[in-house]
Amino acid sequence: MAKLKLKEHIINQEWCKGCGICVHFCPKKVLALDDNDKVMVVLPDDCICCKMCELRCPDLAIEVITD
């Protein structure tokens, strides 16, 4: 199986309630909560495209787009 390559993270700020579940499950600490308790990508180059954030987000606010 070919290794996935990150194109981008799509984050719907309106849907994000700032629960931090995605931040907690990210194995590479790519995500963080901003001052408004909304998720943001802080280390995109470290993303391994495991999609744990996308799978665990209860509000479907994150999408990981890969090649």
PDB file of N, CA and C in Angstrom:
ATOM      1  N   MET A   1       0.844  -1.181   0.000  1.00  0.00           N
ATOM      2  CA  MET A   1       0.000   0.000   0.000  1.00  0.00           C
ATOM      3  C   MET A   1       0.889   1.243   0.000  1.00  0.00           C
ATOM      4  N   ALA A   2       0.579   2.172  -0.867  1.00  0.00           N
ATOM      5  CA  ALA A   2       1.356   3.400  -0.975  1.00  0.00           C
ATOM      6  C   ALA A   2       1.099   4.315   0.220  1.00  0.00           C
ATOM      7  N   LYS A   3       2.136   5.044   0.598  1.00  0.00           N
ATOM      8  CA  LYS A   3       2.019   5.985   1.707  1.00  0.00           C
ATOM      9  C   LYS A   3       1.189   7.192   1.258  1.00  0.00           C
ATOM     10  N   LEU A   4       0.244   7.580   2.092  1.00  0.00           N
ATOM     11  CA  LEU A   4      -0.600   8.726   1.758  1.00  0.00           C
ATOM     12  C   LEU A   4       0.186  10.015   1.901  1.00  0.00           C
ATOM     13  N   LYS A   5      -0.096  10.964   1.016  1.00  0.00           N
ATOM     14  CA  LYS A   5       0.570  12.262   1.048  1.00  0.00           C
ATOM     15  C   LYS A   5      -0.486  13.333   1.319  1.00  0.00           C
ATOM     16  N   LEU A   6      -0.219  14.165   2.303  1.00  0.00           N
ATOM     17  CA  LEU A   6      -1.163  15.210   2.692  1.00  0.00           C
ATOM     18  C   LEU A   6      -1.262  16.296   1.631  1.00  0.00           C
ATOM     19  N   LYS A   7      -2.494  16.635   1.268  1.00  0.00           N
ATOM     20  CA  LYS A   7      -2.736  17.806   0.430  1.00  0.00           C
ATOM     21  C   LYS A   7      -3.113  18.975   1.313  1.00  0.00           C
ATOM     22  N   GLU A   8      -4.099  18.747   2.204  1.00  0.00           N
ATOM     23  CA  GLU A   8      -4.520  19.808   3.121  1.00  0.00           C
ATOM     24  C   GLU A   8      -5.459  19.272   4.189  1.00  0.00           C
ATOM     25  N   HIS A   9      -5.596  20.057   5.238  1.00  0.00           N
ATOM     26  CA  HIS A   9      -6.606  19.814   6.271  1.00  0.00           C
ATOM     27  C   HIS A   9      -7.718  20.821   6.027  1.00  0.00           C
ATOM     28  N   ILE A  10      -8.941  20.369   5.989  1.00  0.00           N
ATOM     29  CA  ILE A  10     -10.078  21.277   5.886  1.00  0.00           C
ATOM     30  C   ILE A  10     -10.769  21.256   7.244  1.00  0.00           C
ATOM     31  N   ILE A  11     -10.836  22.422   7.863  1.00  0.00           N
ATOM     32  CA  ILE A  11     -11.449  22.532   9.183  1.00  0.00           C
ATOM     33  C   ILE A  11     -12.616  23.502   9.098  1.00  0.00           C
ATOM     34  N   ASN A  12     -13.795  23.011   9.453  1.00  0.00           N
ATOM     35  CA  ASN A  12     -14.983  23.850   9.481  1.00  0.00           C
ATOM     36  C   ASN A  12     -15.072  24.469  10.877  1.00  0.00           C
ATOM     37  N   GLN A  13     -14.634  25.712  10.994  1.00  0.00           N
ATOM     38  CA  GLN A  13     -14.593  26.405  12.282  1.00  0.00           C
ATOM     39  C   GLN A  13     -15.980  26.572  12.901  1.00  0.00           C
ATOM     40  N   GLU A  14     -16.997  26.658  12.071  1.00  0.00           N
ATOM     41  CA  GLU A  14     -18.363  26.825  12.581  1.00  0.00           C
ATOM     42  C   GLU A  14     -18.857  25.547  13.258  1.00  0.00           C
ATOM     43  N   TRP A  15     -18.414  24.408  12.781  1.00  0.00           N
ATOM     44  CA  TRP A  15     -18.855  23.135  13.350  1.00  0.00           C
ATOM     45  C   TRP A  15     -18.030  22.730  14.578  1.00  0.00           C
ATOM     46  N   CYS A  16     -16.790  23.216  14.654  1.00  0.00           N
ATOM     47  CA  CYS A  16     -15.896  22.848  15.755  1.00  0.00           C
ATOM     48  C   CYS A  16     -16.395  23.457  17.061  1.00  0.00           C
ATOM     49  N   LYS A  17     -16.563  22.585  18.082  1.00  0.00           N
ATOM     50  CA  LYS A  17     -17.008  23.078  19.385  1.00  0.00           C
ATOM     51  C   LYS A  17     -15.858  23.169  20.382  1.00  0.00           C
ATOM     52  N   GLY A  18     -14.646  22.852  19.928  1.00  0.00           N
ATOM     53  CA  GLY A  18     -13.473  22.997  20.771  1.00  0.00           C
ATOM     54  C   GLY A  18     -13.327  21.937  21.840  1.00  0.00           C
ATOM     55  N   CYS A  19     -13.804  20.733  21.570  1.00  0.00           N
ATOM     56  CA  CYS A  19     -13.745  19.657  22.571  1.00  0.00           C
ATOM     57  C   CYS A  19     -12.328  19.136  22.781  1.00  0.00           C
ATOM     58  N   GLY A  20     -11.471  19.259  21.760  1.00  0.00           N
ATOM     59  CA  GLY A  20     -10.088  18.823  21.874  1.00  0.00           C
ATOM     60  C   GLY A  20      -9.848  17.345  21.629  1.00  0.00           C
ATOM     61  N   ILE A  21     -10.872  16.611  21.246  1.00  0.00           N
ATOM     62  CA  ILE A  21     -10.702  15.179  20.985  1.00  0.00           C
ATOM     63  C   ILE A  21      -9.690  14.953  19.860  1.00  0.00           C
ATOM     64  N   CYS A  22      -9.778  15.726  18.822  1.00  0.00           N
ATOM     65  CA  CYS A  22      -8.858  15.575  17.689  1.00  0.00           C
ATOM     66  C   CYS A  22      -7.422  15.857  18.122  1.00  0.00           C
ATOM     67  N   VAL A  23      -7.242  16.867  18.943  1.00  0.00           N
ATOM     68  CA  VAL A  23      -5.912  17.220  19.448  1.00  0.00           C
ATOM     69  C   VAL A  23      -5.351  16.065  20.273  1.00  0.00           C
ATOM     70  N   HIS A  24      -6.176  15.492  21.111  1.00  0.00           N
ATOM     71  CA  HIS A  24      -5.752  14.391  21.972  1.00  0.00           C
ATOM     72  C   HIS A  24      -5.343  13.147  21.176  1.00  0.00           C
ATOM     73  N   PHE A  25      -6.072  12.813  20.134  1.00  0.00           N
ATOM     74  CA  PHE A  25      -5.810  11.590  19.381  1.00  0.00           C
ATOM     75  C   PHE A  25      -4.720  11.722  18.324  1.00  0.00           C
ATOM     76  N   CYS A  26      -4.299  12.932  17.998  1.00  0.00           N
ATOM     77  CA  CYS A  26      -3.258  13.113  16.971  1.00  0.00           C
ATOM     78  C   CYS A  26      -1.917  12.601  17.493  1.00  0.00           C
ATOM     79  N   PRO A  27      -1.359  11.556  16.856  1.00  0.00           N
ATOM     80  CA  PRO A  27      -0.110  10.972  17.355  1.00  0.00           C
ATOM     81  C   PRO A  27       1.111  11.865  17.143  1.00  0.00           C
ATOM     82  N   LYS A  28       1.024  12.816  16.250  1.00  0.00           N
ATOM     83  CA  LYS A  28       2.164  13.686  15.932  1.00  0.00           C
ATOM     84  C   LYS A  28       1.988  15.121  16.425  1.00  0.00           C
ATOM     85  N   LYS A  29       0.934  15.372  17.183  1.00  0.00           N
ATOM     86  CA  LYS A  29       0.672  16.710  17.755  1.00  0.00           C
ATOM     87  C   LYS A  29       0.601  17.793  16.675  1.00  0.00           C
ATOM     88  N   VAL A  30      -0.068  17.452  15.576  1.00  0.00           N
ATOM     89  CA  VAL A  30      -0.229  18.370  14.449  1.00  0.00           C
ATOM     90  C   VAL A  30      -1.267  19.452  14.750  1.00  0.00           C
ATOM     91  N   LEU A  31      -2.230  19.121  15.597  1.00  0.00           N
ATOM     92  CA  LEU A  31      -3.340  20.027  15.881  1.00  0.00           C
ATOM     93  C   LEU A  31      -3.223  20.657  17.262  1.00  0.00           C
ATOM     94  N   ALA A  32      -3.865  21.823  17.405  1.00  0.00           N
ATOM     95  CA  ALA A  32      -3.948  22.508  18.697  1.00  0.00           C
ATOM     96  C   ALA A  32      -5.224  23.329  18.703  1.00  0.00           C
ATOM     97  N   LEU A  33      -5.633  23.747  19.880  1.00  0.00           N
ATOM     98  CA  LEU A  33      -6.777  24.644  20.001  1.00  0.00           C
ATOM     99  C   LEU A  33      -6.266  26.079  20.058  1.00  0.00           C
ATOM    100  N   ASP A  34      -6.925  26.969  19.337  1.00  0.00           N
ATOM    101  CA  ASP A  34      -6.528  28.377  19.343  1.00  0.00           C
ATOM    102  C   ASP A  34      -7.131  29.105  20.546  1.00  0.00           C
ATOM    103  N   ASP A  35      -6.991  30.406  20.590  1.00  0.00           N
ATOM    104  CA  ASP A  35      -7.495  31.213  21.714  1.00  0.00           C
ATOM    105  C   ASP A  35      -9.014  31.168  21.844  1.00  0.00           C
ATOM    106  N   ASN A  36      -9.695  30.830  20.759  1.00  0.00           N
ATOM    107  CA  ASN A  36     -11.157  30.730  20.762  1.00  0.00           C
ATOM    108  C   ASN A  36     -11.631  29.294  20.950  1.00  0.00           C
ATOM    109  N   ASP A  37     -10.726  28.401  21.344  1.00  0.00           N
ATOM    110  CA  ASP A  37     -11.023  26.975  21.503  1.00  0.00           C
ATOM    111  C   ASP A  37     -11.556  26.341  20.225  1.00  0.00           C
ATOM    112  N   LYS A  38     -10.944  26.702  19.117  1.00  0.00           N
ATOM    113  CA  LYS A  38     -11.236  26.086  17.829  1.00  0.00           C
ATOM    114  C   LYS A  38      -9.963  25.393  17.346  1.00  0.00           C
ATOM    115  N   VAL A  39     -10.117  24.245  16.711  1.00  0.00           N
ATOM    116  CA  VAL A  39      -8.948  23.489  16.266  1.00  0.00           C
ATOM    117  C   VAL A  39      -8.234  24.219  15.130  1.00  0.00           C
ATOM    118  N   MET A  40      -6.906  24.107  15.137  1.00  0.00           N
ATOM    119  CA  MET A  40      -6.077  24.672  14.074  1.00  0.00           C
ATOM    120  C   MET A  40      -4.899  23.736  13.830  1.00  0.00           C
ATOM    121  N   VAL A  41      -4.360  23.790  12.628  1.00  0.00           N
ATOM    122  CA  VAL A  41      -3.216  22.968  12.260  1.00  0.00           C
ATOM    123  C   VAL A  41      -1.954  23.770  12.571  1.00  0.00           C
ATOM    124  N   VAL A  42      -1.103  23.221  13.436  1.00  0.00           N
ATOM    125  CA  VAL A  42       0.110  23.937  13.816  1.00  0.00           C
ATOM    126  C   VAL A  42       1.375  23.322  13.218  1.00  0.00           C
ATOM    127  N   LEU A  43       1.346  22.032  12.901  1.00  0.00           N
ATOM    128  CA  LEU A  43       2.514  21.348  12.331  1.00  0.00           C
ATOM    129  C   LEU A  43       2.110  20.480  11.134  1.00  0.00           C
ATOM    130  N   PRO A  44       1.660  21.107  10.047  1.00  0.00           N
ATOM    131  CA  PRO A  44       1.158  20.310   8.910  1.00  0.00           C
ATOM    132  C   PRO A  44       2.205  19.371   8.309  1.00  0.00           C
ATOM    133  N   ASP A  45       3.478  19.738   8.351  1.00  0.00           N
ATOM    134  CA  ASP A  45       4.523  18.895   7.777  1.00  0.00           C
ATOM    135  C   ASP A  45       4.737  17.607   8.565  1.00  0.00           C
ATOM    136  N   ASP A  46       4.268  17.570   9.809  1.00  0.00           N
ATOM    137  CA  ASP A  46       4.418  16.380  10.646  1.00  0.00           C
ATOM    138  C   ASP A  46       3.261  15.392  10.500  1.00  0.00           C
ATOM    139  N   CYS A  47       2.224  15.774   9.772  1.00  0.00           N
ATOM    140  CA  CYS A  47       1.037  14.935   9.620  1.00  0.00           C
ATOM    141  C   CYS A  47       1.374  13.648   8.862  1.00  0.00           C
ATOM    142  N   ILE A  48       0.952  12.509   9.428  1.00  0.00           N
ATOM    143  CA  ILE A  48       1.187  11.209   8.786  1.00  0.00           C
ATOM    144  C   ILE A  48      -0.082  10.678   8.104  1.00  0.00           C
ATOM    145  N   CYS A  49      -1.110  11.496   8.026  1.00  0.00           N
ATOM    146  CA  CYS A  49      -2.358  11.172   7.339  1.00  0.00           C
ATOM    147  C   CYS A  49      -3.049   9.939   7.914  1.00  0.00           C
ATOM    148  N   CYS A  50      -2.983   9.777   9.217  1.00  0.00           N
ATOM    149  CA  CYS A  50      -3.657   8.638   9.845  1.00  0.00           C
ATOM    150  C   CYS A  50      -5.172   8.867   9.930  1.00  0.00           C
ATOM    151  N   LYS A  51      -5.575  10.110   9.817  1.00  0.00           N
ATOM    152  CA  LYS A  51      -6.977  10.531   9.829  1.00  0.00           C
ATOM    153  C   LYS A  51      -7.687  10.255  11.159  1.00  0.00           C
ATOM    154  N   MET A  52      -6.913  10.091  12.223  1.00  0.00           N
ATOM    155  CA  MET A  52      -7.525   9.898  13.536  1.00  0.00           C
ATOM    156  C   MET A  52      -8.366  11.110  13.919  1.00  0.00           C
ATOM    157  N   CYS A  53      -7.906  12.299  13.578  1.00  0.00           N
ATOM    158  CA  CYS A  53      -8.665  13.511  13.896  1.00  0.00           C
ATOM    159  C   CYS A  53     -10.014  13.496  13.186  1.00  0.00           C
ATOM    160  N   GLU A  54      -9.995  13.140  11.920  1.00  0.00           N
ATOM    161  CA  GLU A  54     -11.221  13.087  11.121  1.00  0.00           C
ATOM    162  C   GLU A  54     -12.172  12.014  11.654  1.00  0.00           C
ATOM    163  N   LEU A  55     -11.637  10.866  11.999  1.00  0.00           N
ATOM    164  CA  LEU A  55     -12.460   9.757  12.478  1.00  0.00           C
ATOM    165  C   LEU A  55     -13.044  10.005  13.863  1.00  0.00           C
ATOM    166  N   ARG A  56     -12.314  10.702  14.716  1.00  0.00           N
ATOM    167  CA  ARG A  56     -12.739  10.905  16.102  1.00  0.00           C
ATOM    168  C   ARG A  56     -13.560  12.164  16.327  1.00  0.00           C
ATOM    169  N   CYS A  57     -13.555  13.104  15.395  1.00  0.00           N
ATOM    170  CA  CYS A  57     -14.289  14.362  15.577  1.00  0.00           C
ATOM    171  C   CYS A  57     -15.797  14.092  15.630  1.00  0.00           C
ATOM    172  N   PRO A  58     -16.438  14.376  16.765  1.00  0.00           N
ATOM    173  CA  PRO A  58     -17.874  14.098  16.885  1.00  0.00           C
ATOM    174  C   PRO A  58     -18.744  15.037  16.048  1.00  0.00           C
ATOM    175  N   ASP A  59     -18.163  16.139  15.586  1.00  0.00           N
ATOM    176  CA  ASP A  59     -18.920  17.129  14.814  1.00  0.00           C
ATOM    177  C   ASP A  59     -18.576  17.138  13.329  1.00  0.00           C
ATOM    178  N   LEU A  60     -17.731  16.209  12.903  1.00  0.00           N
ATOM    179  CA  LEU A  60     -17.310  16.099  11.493  1.00  0.00           C
ATOM    180  C   LEU A  60     -16.717  17.401  10.973  1.00  0.00           C
ATOM    181  N   ALA A  61     -15.972  18.089  11.844  1.00  0.00           N
ATOM    182  CA  ALA A  61     -15.435  19.410  11.505  1.00  0.00           C
ATOM    183  C   ALA A  61     -14.072  19.352  10.819  1.00  0.00           C
ATOM    184  N   ILE A  62     -13.476  18.168  10.723  1.00  0.00           N
ATOM    185  CA  ILE A  62     -12.134  18.035  10.132  1.00  0.00           C
ATOM    186  C   ILE A  62     -12.176  17.034   8.984  1.00  0.00           C
ATOM    187  N   GLU A  63     -11.500  17.420   7.904  1.00  0.00           N
ATOM    188  CA  GLU A  63     -11.325  16.508   6.779  1.00  0.00           C
ATOM    189  C   GLU A  63      -9.859  16.554   6.374  1.00  0.00           C
ATOM    190  N   VAL A  64      -9.250  15.383   6.233  1.00  0.00           N
ATOM    191  CA  VAL A  64      -7.867  15.282   5.810  1.00  0.00           C
ATOM    192  C   VAL A  64      -7.868  14.869   4.342  1.00  0.00           C
ATOM    193  N   ILE A  65      -7.372  15.740   3.489  1.00  0.00           N
ATOM    194  CA  ILE A  65      -7.340  15.498   2.047  1.00  0.00           C
ATOM    195  C   ILE A  65      -5.950  14.979   1.686  1.00  0.00           C
ATOM    196  N   THR A  66      -5.922  13.821   1.008  1.00  0.00           N
ATOM    197  CA  THR A  66      -4.655  13.213   0.622  1.00  0.00           C
ATOM    198  C   THR A  66      -4.607  12.978  -0.884  1.00  0.00           C
ATOM    199  N   ASP A  67      -3.382  12.748  -1.356  1.00  0.00           N
ATOM    200  CA  ASP A  67      -3.155  12.385  -2.768  1.00  0.00           C
ATOM    201  C   ASP A  67      -3.236  10.893  -2.915  1.00  0.00           C
TER     202      ASP A  67
END
